[in-house]
């Protein structure tokens, strides 16, 4: 589990692609690479991955076909800058929100608007992620804990403060770039309780349930 507070901007140093798995080596200057526990979880642009090898200044993770199909990792190249966060330890401060590192869908940057020292980003979200987005609610974008400012159909906006711009790789992404999205875990369970089972894609809000419990 993570907090969505980025600890370092890493860089893809090597990429080994195979039919069954992909190995990814990431260069880092702030994480204690070389002293990480084998199997330790690291959120790489919001994807929870396990350390399988390491050396001073870098660590290696393995990426499954499932992760490649559900995230932006398949588009990474040597030199790609990614957000890094070690797993939360019991007793740590929870400065962001509870982030599992399980990507729900891949979004796309559709607009960047500077506002003084701040930066507003608009994203297009896949249909599967839309039910978990609420104004002033939490969302993890490439592993960064952010607050949803506004929602317009399948698009939503967030505002990056100067600290977030300098501490993460988000501000450096261009319009059209893919991002990993993870909805608030609490919102996901609530949405699940309020929907009928409807196959692989989820369901629709159960109006009878809402009326029965005083929500409508």
N, C-alpha and C. Protein backbone atom coordinates (compact mmCIF):
# COMPACT_ATOMS: atom_id res chain seq x y z
N UNK A 1 0.83 -1.18 0.00
CA UNK A 1 0.00 0.00 0.00
C UNK A 1 0.88 1.25 0.00
N UNK A 2 0.39 2.32 -0.64
CA UNK A 2 1.17 3.54 -0.81
C UNK A 2 0.33 4.76 -0.41
N UNK A 3 0.97 5.92 -0.43
CA UNK A 3 0.28 7.15 -0.05
C UNK A 3 0.05 8.10 -1.21
N UNK A 4 0.73 7.86 -2.34
CA UNK A 4 0.63 8.78 -3.47
C UNK A 4 1.53 9.99 -3.34
N UNK A 5 2.46 9.96 -2.38
CA UNK A 5 3.45 11.02 -2.24
C UNK A 5 4.76 10.51 -2.84
N UNK A 6 5.16 11.07 -3.95
CA UNK A 6 6.30 10.57 -4.72
C UNK A 6 7.61 10.86 -4.01
N UNK A 7 8.50 9.85 -3.98
CA UNK A 7 9.77 9.98 -3.27
C UNK A 7 10.95 10.23 -4.20
N UNK A 8 10.78 9.91 -5.47
CA UNK A 8 11.86 10.17 -6.43
C UNK A 8 11.31 10.07 -7.84
N UNK A 9 11.94 10.77 -8.77
CA UNK A 9 11.66 10.60 -10.19
C UNK A 9 12.77 9.71 -10.74
N UNK A 10 12.42 8.48 -11.09
CA UNK A 10 13.40 7.55 -11.61
C UNK A 10 13.48 7.62 -13.12
N UNK A 11 14.37 6.85 -13.67
CA UNK A 11 14.55 6.81 -15.12
C UNK A 11 14.78 5.37 -15.55
N UNK A 12 14.07 4.94 -16.58
CA UNK A 12 14.25 3.59 -17.11
C UNK A 12 15.65 3.47 -17.68
N UNK A 13 16.45 2.56 -17.11
CA UNK A 13 17.83 2.41 -17.53
C UNK A 13 18.01 1.24 -18.49
N UNK A 14 17.16 0.22 -18.37
CA UNK A 14 17.24 -0.95 -19.25
C UNK A 14 15.88 -1.60 -19.34
N UNK A 15 15.62 -2.22 -20.47
CA UNK A 15 14.32 -2.84 -20.73
C UNK A 15 14.55 -4.15 -21.48
N UNK A 16 14.14 -5.27 -20.87
CA UNK A 16 14.26 -6.58 -21.50
C UNK A 16 12.86 -7.14 -21.71
N UNK A 17 12.42 -7.20 -22.94
CA UNK A 17 11.07 -7.65 -23.24
C UNK A 17 11.09 -9.09 -23.71
N UNK A 18 10.23 -9.91 -23.07
CA UNK A 18 10.11 -11.31 -23.46
C UNK A 18 8.65 -11.68 -23.64
N UNK A 19 8.42 -12.91 -24.12
CA UNK A 19 7.05 -13.34 -24.37
C UNK A 19 6.27 -13.54 -23.08
N UNK A 20 6.95 -14.02 -22.03
CA UNK A 20 6.26 -14.32 -20.77
C UNK A 20 6.36 -13.20 -19.75
N UNK A 21 7.42 -12.42 -19.83
CA UNK A 21 7.61 -11.37 -18.83
C UNK A 21 8.55 -10.30 -19.37
N UNK A 22 8.49 -9.14 -18.74
CA UNK A 22 9.37 -8.03 -19.09
C UNK A 22 10.15 -7.62 -17.85
N UNK A 23 11.45 -7.46 -17.99
CA UNK A 23 12.28 -6.98 -16.88
C UNK A 23 12.62 -5.51 -17.12
N UNK A 24 12.51 -4.74 -16.07
CA UNK A 24 12.67 -3.30 -16.16
C UNK A 24 13.67 -2.85 -15.09
N UNK A 25 14.74 -2.19 -15.50
CA UNK A 25 15.71 -1.66 -14.56
C UNK A 25 15.55 -0.16 -14.48
N UNK A 26 15.43 0.34 -13.25
CA UNK A 26 15.14 1.75 -13.00
C UNK A 26 16.29 2.38 -12.23
N UNK A 27 16.75 3.51 -12.72
CA UNK A 27 17.79 4.27 -12.05
C UNK A 27 17.14 5.24 -11.06
N UNK A 28 17.67 5.30 -9.83
CA UNK A 28 17.13 6.19 -8.81
C UNK A 28 18.25 6.82 -8.00
N UNK A 29 18.04 8.07 -7.58
CA UNK A 29 19.07 8.76 -6.79
C UNK A 29 18.65 8.91 -5.33
N UNK A 30 17.36 8.72 -5.02
CA UNK A 30 16.87 8.97 -3.67
C UNK A 30 16.43 7.71 -2.93
N UNK A 31 16.00 6.68 -3.64
CA UNK A 31 15.66 5.44 -2.96
C UNK A 31 16.94 4.67 -2.66
N UNK A 32 16.96 3.90 -1.57
CA UNK A 32 18.20 3.20 -1.18
C UNK A 32 18.45 1.95 -2.02
N UNK A 33 18.54 2.11 -3.33
CA UNK A 33 18.78 0.97 -4.20
C UNK A 33 20.08 0.30 -3.81
N UNK A 34 20.06 -1.02 -3.74
CA UNK A 34 21.20 -1.78 -3.24
C UNK A 34 20.96 -2.23 -1.82
N UNK A 35 19.98 -1.60 -1.14
CA UNK A 35 19.65 -1.97 0.24
C UNK A 35 18.17 -2.27 0.40
N UNK A 36 17.47 -2.42 -0.71
CA UNK A 36 16.06 -2.75 -0.67
C UNK A 36 15.90 -4.24 -0.38
N UNK A 37 14.78 -4.61 0.24
CA UNK A 37 14.53 -6.04 0.49
C UNK A 37 14.12 -6.72 -0.82
N UNK A 38 14.60 -7.94 -1.01
CA UNK A 38 14.20 -8.68 -2.20
C UNK A 38 12.69 -8.92 -2.15
N UNK A 39 12.00 -8.58 -3.22
CA UNK A 39 10.55 -8.71 -3.24
C UNK A 39 9.82 -7.49 -2.74
N UNK A 40 10.55 -6.48 -2.31
CA UNK A 40 9.92 -5.25 -1.81
C UNK A 40 9.10 -4.59 -2.91
N UNK A 41 7.97 -4.00 -2.51
CA UNK A 41 7.08 -3.34 -3.46
C UNK A 41 7.50 -1.90 -3.70
N UNK A 42 7.57 -1.53 -4.97
CA UNK A 42 7.84 -0.16 -5.38
C UNK A 42 6.74 0.24 -6.36
N UNK A 43 6.13 1.39 -6.13
CA UNK A 43 5.15 1.91 -7.08
C UNK A 43 5.90 2.66 -8.17
N UNK A 44 5.79 2.18 -9.39
CA UNK A 44 6.44 2.80 -10.55
C UNK A 44 5.35 3.42 -11.42
N UNK A 45 5.24 4.74 -11.40
CA UNK A 45 4.14 5.43 -12.07
C UNK A 45 2.80 4.85 -11.65
N UNK A 46 2.70 4.51 -10.37
CA UNK A 46 1.44 4.02 -9.82
C UNK A 46 1.23 2.54 -9.90
N UNK A 47 2.14 1.78 -10.52
CA UNK A 47 2.01 0.32 -10.62
C UNK A 47 2.86 -0.34 -9.53
N UNK A 48 2.23 -1.16 -8.71
CA UNK A 48 2.96 -1.87 -7.67
C UNK A 48 3.76 -3.00 -8.29
N UNK A 49 5.09 -2.91 -8.20
CA UNK A 49 5.99 -3.91 -8.78
C UNK A 49 6.97 -4.39 -7.72
N UNK A 50 7.47 -5.60 -7.86
CA UNK A 50 8.35 -6.20 -6.87
C UNK A 50 9.81 -6.19 -7.31
N UNK A 51 10.67 -5.83 -6.40
CA UNK A 51 12.11 -5.79 -6.67
C UNK A 51 12.65 -7.22 -6.78
N UNK A 52 13.30 -7.54 -7.90
CA UNK A 52 13.87 -8.87 -8.09
C UNK A 52 15.39 -8.83 -8.17
N UNK A 53 15.95 -7.66 -8.36
CA UNK A 53 17.41 -7.51 -8.41
C UNK A 53 17.72 -6.05 -8.15
N UNK A 54 18.94 -5.77 -7.70
CA UNK A 54 19.30 -4.38 -7.41
C UNK A 54 20.81 -4.22 -7.37
N UNK A 55 21.22 -2.99 -7.51
CA UNK A 55 22.62 -2.60 -7.41
C UNK A 55 22.61 -1.15 -6.95
N UNK A 56 23.72 -0.63 -6.49
CA UNK A 56 23.74 0.76 -6.06
C UNK A 56 23.22 1.69 -7.15
N UNK A 57 22.19 2.46 -6.81
CA UNK A 57 21.64 3.43 -7.74
C UNK A 57 20.61 2.91 -8.71
N UNK A 58 20.27 1.61 -8.63
CA UNK A 58 19.27 1.09 -9.54
C UNK A 58 18.66 -0.20 -8.99
N UNK A 59 17.45 -0.51 -9.45
CA UNK A 59 16.78 -1.75 -9.07
C UNK A 59 16.05 -2.31 -10.29
N UNK A 60 15.75 -3.60 -10.24
CA UNK A 60 15.08 -4.26 -11.36
C UNK A 60 13.77 -4.88 -10.88
N UNK A 61 12.73 -4.75 -11.69
CA UNK A 61 11.44 -5.35 -11.41
C UNK A 61 11.00 -6.17 -12.61
N UNK A 62 10.08 -7.10 -12.38
CA UNK A 62 9.49 -7.89 -13.46
C UNK A 62 8.05 -7.46 -13.66
N UNK A 63 7.64 -7.35 -14.92
CA UNK A 63 6.30 -6.87 -15.27
C UNK A 63 5.56 -7.99 -16.00
N UNK A 64 4.38 -8.32 -15.52
CA UNK A 64 3.59 -9.40 -16.12
C UNK A 64 2.82 -8.89 -17.34
N UNK A 65 2.39 -9.79 -18.23
CA UNK A 65 1.55 -9.39 -19.36
C UNK A 65 0.28 -8.67 -18.93
N UNK A 66 -0.30 -9.08 -17.77
CA UNK A 66 -1.50 -8.43 -17.25
C UNK A 66 -1.24 -6.96 -16.96
N UNK A 67 -0.11 -6.67 -16.30
CA UNK A 67 0.23 -5.28 -15.99
C UNK A 67 0.47 -4.48 -17.25
N UNK A 68 1.13 -5.07 -18.22
CA UNK A 68 1.38 -4.38 -19.49
C UNK A 68 0.09 -4.04 -20.21
N UNK A 69 -0.90 -4.92 -20.10
CA UNK A 69 -2.16 -4.70 -20.81
C UNK A 69 -3.05 -3.67 -20.13
N UNK A 70 -2.84 -3.44 -18.83
CA UNK A 70 -3.72 -2.55 -18.08
C UNK A 70 -3.08 -1.22 -17.69
N UNK A 71 -1.87 -0.99 -18.14
CA UNK A 71 -1.16 0.23 -17.73
C UNK A 71 -0.41 0.82 -18.92
N UNK A 72 0.29 1.91 -18.64
CA UNK A 72 1.07 2.57 -19.68
C UNK A 72 2.48 1.99 -19.81
N UNK A 73 2.80 0.97 -19.03
CA UNK A 73 4.18 0.46 -19.01
C UNK A 73 4.65 -0.04 -20.36
N UNK A 74 3.71 -0.51 -21.19
CA UNK A 74 4.10 -1.02 -22.49
C UNK A 74 4.68 0.02 -23.41
N UNK A 75 4.45 1.30 -23.10
CA UNK A 75 4.96 2.38 -23.95
C UNK A 75 6.28 2.95 -23.43
N UNK A 76 6.77 2.45 -22.29
CA UNK A 76 8.01 2.98 -21.73
C UNK A 76 9.20 2.58 -22.58
N UNK A 77 10.20 3.46 -22.59
CA UNK A 77 11.44 3.23 -23.30
C UNK A 77 12.61 3.59 -22.38
N UNK A 78 13.79 3.22 -22.77
CA UNK A 78 14.98 3.64 -22.02
C UNK A 78 15.01 5.17 -22.00
N UNK A 79 15.12 5.73 -20.81
CA UNK A 79 15.12 7.18 -20.65
C UNK A 79 13.80 7.74 -20.17
N UNK A 80 12.73 6.94 -20.18
CA UNK A 80 11.43 7.40 -19.68
C UNK A 80 11.54 7.72 -18.20
N UNK A 81 11.03 8.89 -17.80
CA UNK A 81 11.06 9.31 -16.40
C UNK A 81 9.77 8.86 -15.72
N UNK A 82 9.89 8.22 -14.55
CA UNK A 82 8.74 7.67 -13.86
C UNK A 82 8.75 8.04 -12.38
N UNK A 83 7.55 8.12 -11.82
CA UNK A 83 7.39 8.44 -10.40
C UNK A 83 7.61 7.19 -9.55
N UNK A 84 8.34 7.32 -8.45
CA UNK A 84 8.66 6.19 -7.59
C UNK A 84 8.23 6.44 -6.16
N UNK A 85 7.70 5.38 -5.54
CA UNK A 85 7.35 5.44 -4.11
C UNK A 85 7.50 4.06 -3.50
N UNK A 86 8.18 3.98 -2.36
CA UNK A 86 8.26 2.71 -1.62
C UNK A 86 6.94 2.48 -0.90
N UNK A 87 6.69 1.22 -0.55
CA UNK A 87 5.46 0.87 0.15
C UNK A 87 5.41 1.54 1.52
N UNK A 88 4.20 1.84 1.94
CA UNK A 88 3.95 2.48 3.23
C UNK A 88 4.29 1.52 4.37
N UNK A 89 4.97 2.02 5.39
CA UNK A 89 5.25 1.24 6.59
C UNK A 89 4.25 1.62 7.68
N UNK A 90 3.86 0.64 8.49
CA UNK A 90 2.94 0.94 9.59
C UNK A 90 3.57 1.99 10.50
N UNK A 91 2.79 3.02 10.80
CA UNK A 91 3.29 4.11 11.63
C UNK A 91 3.71 5.33 10.83
N UNK A 92 3.85 5.17 9.49
CA UNK A 92 4.18 6.33 8.65
C UNK A 92 2.99 7.27 8.57
N UNK A 93 3.28 8.54 8.29
CA UNK A 93 2.22 9.52 8.07
C UNK A 93 1.56 9.25 6.73
N UNK A 94 0.24 9.35 6.70
CA UNK A 94 -0.51 9.17 5.46
C UNK A 94 -0.84 10.56 4.92
N UNK A 95 0.12 11.13 4.19
CA UNK A 95 -0.05 12.51 3.72
C UNK A 95 -0.93 12.64 2.51
N UNK A 96 -1.07 11.55 1.71
CA UNK A 96 -1.90 11.60 0.52
C UNK A 96 -3.22 10.89 0.78
N UNK A 97 -3.43 9.73 0.11
CA UNK A 97 -4.57 8.88 0.41
C UNK A 97 -4.14 7.44 0.19
N UNK A 98 -4.97 6.49 0.57
CA UNK A 98 -4.61 5.09 0.44
C UNK A 98 -4.57 4.69 -1.03
N UNK A 99 -3.39 4.32 -1.50
CA UNK A 99 -3.17 3.93 -2.90
C UNK A 99 -2.68 2.49 -2.90
N UNK A 100 -3.34 1.64 -3.68
CA UNK A 100 -2.98 0.22 -3.71
C UNK A 100 -1.88 -0.11 -4.71
N UNK A 101 -1.72 0.74 -5.71
CA UNK A 101 -0.76 0.43 -6.77
C UNK A 101 -1.35 -0.49 -7.81
N UNK A 102 -2.68 -0.59 -7.85
CA UNK A 102 -3.39 -1.42 -8.83
C UNK A 102 -4.08 -0.49 -9.82
N UNK A 103 -3.57 -0.40 -11.00
CA UNK A 103 -4.07 0.54 -12.00
C UNK A 103 -5.45 0.11 -12.50
N UNK A 104 -6.40 1.03 -12.50
CA UNK A 104 -7.76 0.75 -12.95
C UNK A 104 -7.96 1.02 -14.44
N UNK A 105 -7.15 1.88 -15.00
CA UNK A 105 -7.28 2.20 -16.41
C UNK A 105 -6.24 3.22 -16.84
N UNK A 106 -6.09 3.35 -18.13
CA UNK A 106 -5.13 4.30 -18.70
C UNK A 106 -5.89 5.51 -19.23
N UNK A 107 -5.54 6.69 -18.73
CA UNK A 107 -6.13 7.93 -19.20
C UNK A 107 -5.19 8.66 -20.14
N UNK A 108 -5.61 9.86 -20.54
CA UNK A 108 -4.82 10.62 -21.51
C UNK A 108 -4.91 12.10 -21.17
N UNK A 109 -3.78 12.79 -21.22
CA UNK A 109 -3.77 14.24 -21.00
C UNK A 109 -4.36 14.93 -22.23
N UNK A 110 -5.38 15.75 -22.01
CA UNK A 110 -6.03 16.43 -23.14
C UNK A 110 -5.82 17.94 -23.11
N UNK A 111 -5.37 18.47 -21.97
CA UNK A 111 -5.18 19.93 -21.90
C UNK A 111 -4.25 20.28 -20.75
N UNK A 112 -3.38 21.26 -20.96
CA UNK A 112 -2.50 21.79 -19.91
C UNK A 112 -2.66 23.31 -19.90
N UNK A 113 -3.04 23.87 -18.74
CA UNK A 113 -3.27 25.31 -18.65
C UNK A 113 -2.53 25.89 -17.46
N UNK A 114 -1.49 26.71 -17.70
CA UNK A 114 -0.80 27.36 -16.58
C UNK A 114 -1.71 28.41 -15.93
N UNK A 115 -1.57 28.54 -14.62
CA UNK A 115 -2.30 29.56 -13.86
C UNK A 115 -1.33 30.13 -12.83
N UNK A 116 -0.51 31.08 -13.27
CA UNK A 116 0.55 31.59 -12.42
C UNK A 116 1.58 30.50 -12.19
N UNK A 117 1.87 30.20 -10.93
CA UNK A 117 2.82 29.14 -10.61
C UNK A 117 2.18 27.75 -10.62
N UNK A 118 0.88 27.72 -10.79
CA UNK A 118 0.15 26.45 -10.76
C UNK A 118 -0.11 25.95 -12.18
N UNK A 119 -0.49 24.69 -12.28
CA UNK A 119 -0.74 24.09 -13.59
C UNK A 119 -1.99 23.22 -13.51
N UNK A 120 -2.98 23.53 -14.35
CA UNK A 120 -4.18 22.71 -14.43
C UNK A 120 -4.04 21.70 -15.55
N UNK A 121 -4.30 20.44 -15.23
CA UNK A 121 -4.25 19.37 -16.21
C UNK A 121 -5.64 18.77 -16.36
N UNK A 122 -6.06 18.57 -17.62
CA UNK A 122 -7.31 17.88 -17.91
C UNK A 122 -6.99 16.52 -18.49
N UNK A 123 -7.73 15.51 -18.03
CA UNK A 123 -7.51 14.14 -18.46
C UNK A 123 -8.80 13.55 -19.03
N UNK A 124 -8.64 12.67 -19.99
CA UNK A 124 -9.74 11.87 -20.49
C UNK A 124 -9.64 10.51 -19.80
N UNK A 125 -10.72 10.10 -19.15
CA UNK A 125 -10.71 8.86 -18.39
C UNK A 125 -11.50 7.77 -19.10
N UNK A 126 -11.05 6.52 -19.03
CA UNK A 126 -11.83 5.42 -19.61
C UNK A 126 -13.13 5.23 -18.84
N UNK A 127 -14.11 4.64 -19.50
CA UNK A 127 -15.43 4.48 -18.89
C UNK A 127 -15.38 3.72 -17.57
N UNK A 128 -14.49 2.73 -17.47
CA UNK A 128 -14.42 1.92 -16.26
C UNK A 128 -14.01 2.73 -15.03
N UNK A 129 -13.29 3.84 -15.22
CA UNK A 129 -12.79 4.64 -14.11
C UNK A 129 -13.77 5.73 -13.70
N UNK A 130 -14.64 6.14 -14.61
CA UNK A 130 -15.54 7.27 -14.37
C UNK A 130 -16.35 7.18 -13.07
N UNK A 131 -16.92 6.00 -12.71
CA UNK A 131 -17.74 5.94 -11.49
C UNK A 131 -16.98 6.28 -10.21
N UNK A 132 -15.66 6.22 -10.24
CA UNK A 132 -14.87 6.43 -9.03
C UNK A 132 -14.31 7.85 -8.94
N UNK A 133 -14.71 8.71 -9.87
CA UNK A 133 -14.24 10.08 -9.85
C UNK A 133 -15.34 11.00 -9.32
N UNK A 134 -15.05 11.74 -8.28
CA UNK A 134 -15.99 12.73 -7.75
C UNK A 134 -15.23 14.02 -7.50
N UNK A 135 -15.91 15.14 -7.66
CA UNK A 135 -15.26 16.43 -7.42
C UNK A 135 -14.80 16.53 -5.97
N UNK A 136 -13.58 16.96 -5.79
CA UNK A 136 -12.89 17.08 -4.50
C UNK A 136 -12.56 15.73 -3.87
N UNK A 137 -12.73 14.66 -4.65
CA UNK A 137 -12.31 13.35 -4.20
C UNK A 137 -10.87 13.08 -4.61
N UNK A 138 -10.33 11.97 -4.16
CA UNK A 138 -8.94 11.63 -4.44
C UNK A 138 -8.82 10.73 -5.67
N UNK A 139 -7.72 10.91 -6.39
CA UNK A 139 -7.38 10.05 -7.51
C UNK A 139 -5.86 9.94 -7.58
N UNK A 140 -5.36 8.76 -7.95
CA UNK A 140 -3.92 8.60 -8.16
C UNK A 140 -3.64 8.63 -9.65
N UNK A 141 -2.79 9.55 -10.08
CA UNK A 141 -2.41 9.69 -11.49
C UNK A 141 -0.92 9.44 -11.60
N UNK A 142 -0.55 8.36 -12.28
CA UNK A 142 0.86 7.93 -12.32
C UNK A 142 1.43 7.82 -10.91
N UNK A 143 0.57 7.37 -9.99
CA UNK A 143 1.00 7.17 -8.61
C UNK A 143 0.97 8.41 -7.74
N UNK A 144 0.58 9.57 -8.29
CA UNK A 144 0.57 10.82 -7.53
C UNK A 144 -0.82 11.04 -6.94
N UNK A 145 -0.91 11.24 -5.64
CA UNK A 145 -2.18 11.52 -4.97
C UNK A 145 -2.61 12.95 -5.29
N UNK A 146 -3.76 13.08 -5.95
CA UNK A 146 -4.25 14.39 -6.35
C UNK A 146 -5.75 14.51 -6.07
N UNK A 147 -6.24 15.75 -6.06
CA UNK A 147 -7.65 16.03 -5.81
C UNK A 147 -8.34 16.40 -7.12
N UNK A 148 -9.46 15.76 -7.39
CA UNK A 148 -10.23 16.08 -8.59
C UNK A 148 -10.87 17.45 -8.42
N UNK A 149 -10.56 18.36 -9.34
CA UNK A 149 -11.14 19.71 -9.26
C UNK A 149 -12.51 19.79 -9.90
N UNK A 150 -12.62 19.28 -11.12
CA UNK A 150 -13.85 19.43 -11.89
C UNK A 150 -14.02 18.22 -12.80
N UNK A 151 -15.28 17.88 -13.07
CA UNK A 151 -15.60 16.76 -13.96
C UNK A 151 -16.54 17.25 -15.04
N UNK A 152 -16.21 16.93 -16.30
CA UNK A 152 -17.06 17.25 -17.44
C UNK A 152 -17.16 16.01 -18.32
N UNK A 153 -18.24 15.27 -18.17
CA UNK A 153 -18.40 14.04 -18.95
C UNK A 153 -17.32 13.04 -18.60
N UNK A 154 -16.55 12.63 -19.62
CA UNK A 154 -15.49 11.65 -19.38
C UNK A 154 -14.15 12.32 -19.11
N UNK A 155 -14.17 13.62 -18.81
CA UNK A 155 -12.94 14.35 -18.53
C UNK A 155 -12.95 14.95 -17.13
N UNK A 156 -11.78 15.05 -16.55
CA UNK A 156 -11.67 15.65 -15.22
C UNK A 156 -10.36 16.42 -15.13
N UNK A 157 -10.31 17.34 -14.19
CA UNK A 157 -9.12 18.18 -14.05
C UNK A 157 -8.54 18.08 -12.64
N UNK A 158 -7.24 18.33 -12.56
CA UNK A 158 -6.54 18.47 -11.29
C UNK A 158 -5.62 19.69 -11.41
N UNK A 159 -5.20 20.21 -10.27
CA UNK A 159 -4.27 21.33 -10.29
C UNK A 159 -2.98 20.92 -9.58
N UNK A 160 -1.85 21.16 -10.24
CA UNK A 160 -0.55 20.83 -9.67
C UNK A 160 0.05 22.06 -9.02
N UNK A 161 0.36 21.95 -7.73
CA UNK A 161 1.06 23.03 -7.05
C UNK A 161 2.53 22.99 -7.48
N UNK A 162 3.30 24.04 -7.25
CA UNK A 162 4.71 24.04 -7.67
C UNK A 162 5.49 22.85 -7.12
N UNK A 163 5.23 22.44 -5.89
CA UNK A 163 5.95 21.30 -5.31
C UNK A 163 5.69 20.03 -6.10
N UNK A 164 4.44 19.78 -6.47
CA UNK A 164 4.10 18.59 -7.24
C UNK A 164 4.73 18.64 -8.63
N UNK A 165 4.80 19.83 -9.19
CA UNK A 165 5.42 19.97 -10.52
C UNK A 165 6.90 19.60 -10.48
N UNK A 166 7.57 19.97 -9.40
CA UNK A 166 9.02 19.72 -9.32
C UNK A 166 9.34 18.33 -8.79
N UNK A 167 8.44 17.74 -7.99
CA UNK A 167 8.72 16.47 -7.33
C UNK A 167 8.23 15.26 -8.10
N UNK A 168 7.47 15.47 -9.18
CA UNK A 168 6.94 14.36 -9.96
C UNK A 168 7.23 14.59 -11.44
N UNK A 169 6.94 13.57 -12.24
CA UNK A 169 7.16 13.67 -13.68
C UNK A 169 5.92 14.12 -14.44
N UNK A 170 4.84 14.41 -13.72
CA UNK A 170 3.58 14.74 -14.39
C UNK A 170 3.65 16.01 -15.23
N UNK A 171 4.21 17.07 -14.68
CA UNK A 171 4.22 18.36 -15.37
C UNK A 171 5.00 18.29 -16.69
N UNK A 172 5.94 17.37 -16.78
CA UNK A 172 6.75 17.26 -17.99
C UNK A 172 6.09 16.47 -19.10
N UNK A 173 4.92 15.90 -18.84
CA UNK A 173 4.24 15.13 -19.87
C UNK A 173 3.47 16.07 -20.80
N UNK A 174 3.41 15.69 -22.06
CA UNK A 174 2.76 16.54 -23.06
C UNK A 174 1.31 16.11 -23.28
N UNK A 175 0.55 16.97 -23.92
CA UNK A 175 -0.83 16.65 -24.28
C UNK A 175 -0.82 15.41 -25.17
N UNK A 176 -1.70 14.46 -24.87
CA UNK A 176 -1.74 13.19 -25.59
C UNK A 176 -1.05 12.06 -24.88
N UNK A 177 -0.24 12.38 -23.86
CA UNK A 177 0.50 11.35 -23.13
C UNK A 177 -0.45 10.49 -22.30
N UNK A 178 -0.11 9.21 -22.18
CA UNK A 178 -0.90 8.29 -21.37
C UNK A 178 -0.51 8.40 -19.90
N UNK A 179 -1.48 8.16 -19.02
CA UNK A 179 -1.24 8.16 -17.58
C UNK A 179 -1.99 7.00 -16.96
N UNK A 180 -1.44 6.46 -15.87
CA UNK A 180 -2.09 5.40 -15.13
C UNK A 180 -3.04 6.00 -14.10
N UNK A 181 -4.27 5.51 -14.07
CA UNK A 181 -5.28 6.03 -13.15
C UNK A 181 -5.69 4.95 -12.15
N UNK A 182 -5.78 5.35 -10.90
CA UNK A 182 -6.33 4.47 -9.85
C UNK A 182 -7.33 5.26 -9.03
N UNK A 183 -8.57 4.77 -8.98
CA UNK A 183 -9.61 5.43 -8.19
C UNK A 183 -9.41 5.19 -6.71
N UNK A 184 -10.07 6.02 -5.91
CA UNK A 184 -10.02 5.88 -4.46
C UNK A 184 -10.60 4.53 -4.07
N UNK A 185 -9.86 3.74 -3.29
CA UNK A 185 -10.28 2.39 -2.94
C UNK A 185 -11.61 2.39 -2.19
N UNK A 186 -11.86 3.40 -1.36
CA UNK A 186 -13.14 3.47 -0.65
C UNK A 186 -14.27 3.70 -1.64
N UNK A 187 -14.05 4.59 -2.60
CA UNK A 187 -15.07 4.85 -3.61
C UNK A 187 -15.36 3.62 -4.44
N UNK A 188 -14.34 2.81 -4.70
CA UNK A 188 -14.54 1.61 -5.50
C UNK A 188 -15.45 0.60 -4.80
N UNK A 189 -15.27 0.43 -3.49
CA UNK A 189 -16.11 -0.51 -2.77
C UNK A 189 -17.54 0.01 -2.65
N UNK A 190 -17.68 1.32 -2.46
CA UNK A 190 -19.02 1.91 -2.41
C UNK A 190 -19.73 1.73 -3.74
N UNK A 191 -19.01 2.00 -4.84
CA UNK A 191 -19.60 1.84 -6.17
C UNK A 191 -20.00 0.39 -6.40
N UNK A 192 -19.19 -0.55 -5.92
CA UNK A 192 -19.50 -1.96 -6.09
C UNK A 192 -20.78 -2.33 -5.36
N UNK A 193 -20.95 -1.78 -4.15
CA UNK A 193 -22.14 -2.08 -3.36
C UNK A 193 -23.41 -1.50 -3.99
N UNK A 194 -23.26 -0.40 -4.73
CA UNK A 194 -24.41 0.28 -5.31
C UNK A 194 -24.70 -0.11 -6.75
N UNK A 195 -24.03 -1.13 -7.23
CA UNK A 195 -24.27 -1.56 -8.61
C UNK A 195 -24.76 -2.98 -8.65
N UNK A 196 -25.53 -3.28 -9.66
CA UNK A 196 -25.94 -4.66 -9.89
C UNK A 196 -24.82 -5.36 -10.64
N UNK A 197 -24.71 -6.64 -10.48
CA UNK A 197 -23.72 -7.39 -11.23
C UNK A 197 -24.14 -7.39 -12.69
N UNK A 198 -23.19 -7.00 -13.54
CA UNK A 198 -23.52 -6.88 -14.95
C UNK A 198 -22.43 -7.36 -15.87
N UNK A 199 -21.76 -8.44 -15.52
CA UNK A 199 -20.73 -8.98 -16.40
C UNK A 199 -19.38 -8.36 -16.12
N UNK A 200 -18.47 -8.54 -17.06
CA UNK A 200 -17.07 -8.14 -16.86
C UNK A 200 -16.93 -6.64 -16.70
N UNK A 201 -17.82 -5.85 -17.31
CA UNK A 201 -17.66 -4.41 -17.26
C UNK A 201 -18.26 -3.75 -16.04
N UNK A 202 -18.83 -4.55 -15.09
CA UNK A 202 -19.43 -3.96 -13.92
C UNK A 202 -20.94 -3.94 -14.07
N UNK A 203 -21.59 -2.89 -13.63
CA UNK A 203 -23.04 -2.82 -13.70
C UNK A 203 -23.52 -1.40 -13.69
N UNK A 204 -24.82 -1.21 -13.37
CA UNK A 204 -25.37 0.12 -13.29
C UNK A 204 -25.92 0.34 -11.90
N UNK A 205 -26.11 1.58 -11.55
CA UNK A 205 -26.58 1.89 -10.21
C UNK A 205 -27.94 1.25 -9.98
N UNK A 206 -28.12 0.60 -8.85
CA UNK A 206 -29.37 -0.06 -8.50
C UNK A 206 -30.28 0.98 -7.86
N UNK A 207 -31.24 1.50 -8.63
CA UNK A 207 -32.12 2.56 -8.16
C UNK A 207 -32.95 2.09 -6.96
N UNK A 208 -33.41 0.83 -6.97
CA UNK A 208 -34.21 0.33 -5.85
C UNK A 208 -33.40 0.32 -4.56
N UNK A 209 -32.12 -0.07 -4.68
CA UNK A 209 -31.24 -0.09 -3.50
C UNK A 209 -31.08 1.32 -2.94
N UNK A 210 -30.88 2.30 -3.83
CA UNK A 210 -30.70 3.68 -3.39
C UNK A 210 -31.94 4.19 -2.66
N UNK A 211 -33.13 3.90 -3.19
CA UNK A 211 -34.37 4.37 -2.55
C UNK A 211 -34.58 3.67 -1.22
N UNK A 212 -34.28 2.37 -1.19
CA UNK A 212 -34.47 1.61 0.04
C UNK A 212 -33.63 2.14 1.19
N UNK A 213 -32.45 2.63 0.88
CA UNK A 213 -31.53 3.10 1.91
C UNK A 213 -31.49 4.62 2.02
N UNK A 214 -32.44 5.28 1.40
CA UNK A 214 -32.57 6.72 1.58
C UNK A 214 -31.61 7.56 0.78
N UNK A 215 -30.99 7.00 -0.28
CA UNK A 215 -30.08 7.78 -1.10
C UNK A 215 -30.76 8.45 -2.27
N UNK A 216 -32.00 8.10 -2.55
CA UNK A 216 -32.71 8.68 -3.68
C UNK A 216 -34.18 8.83 -3.35
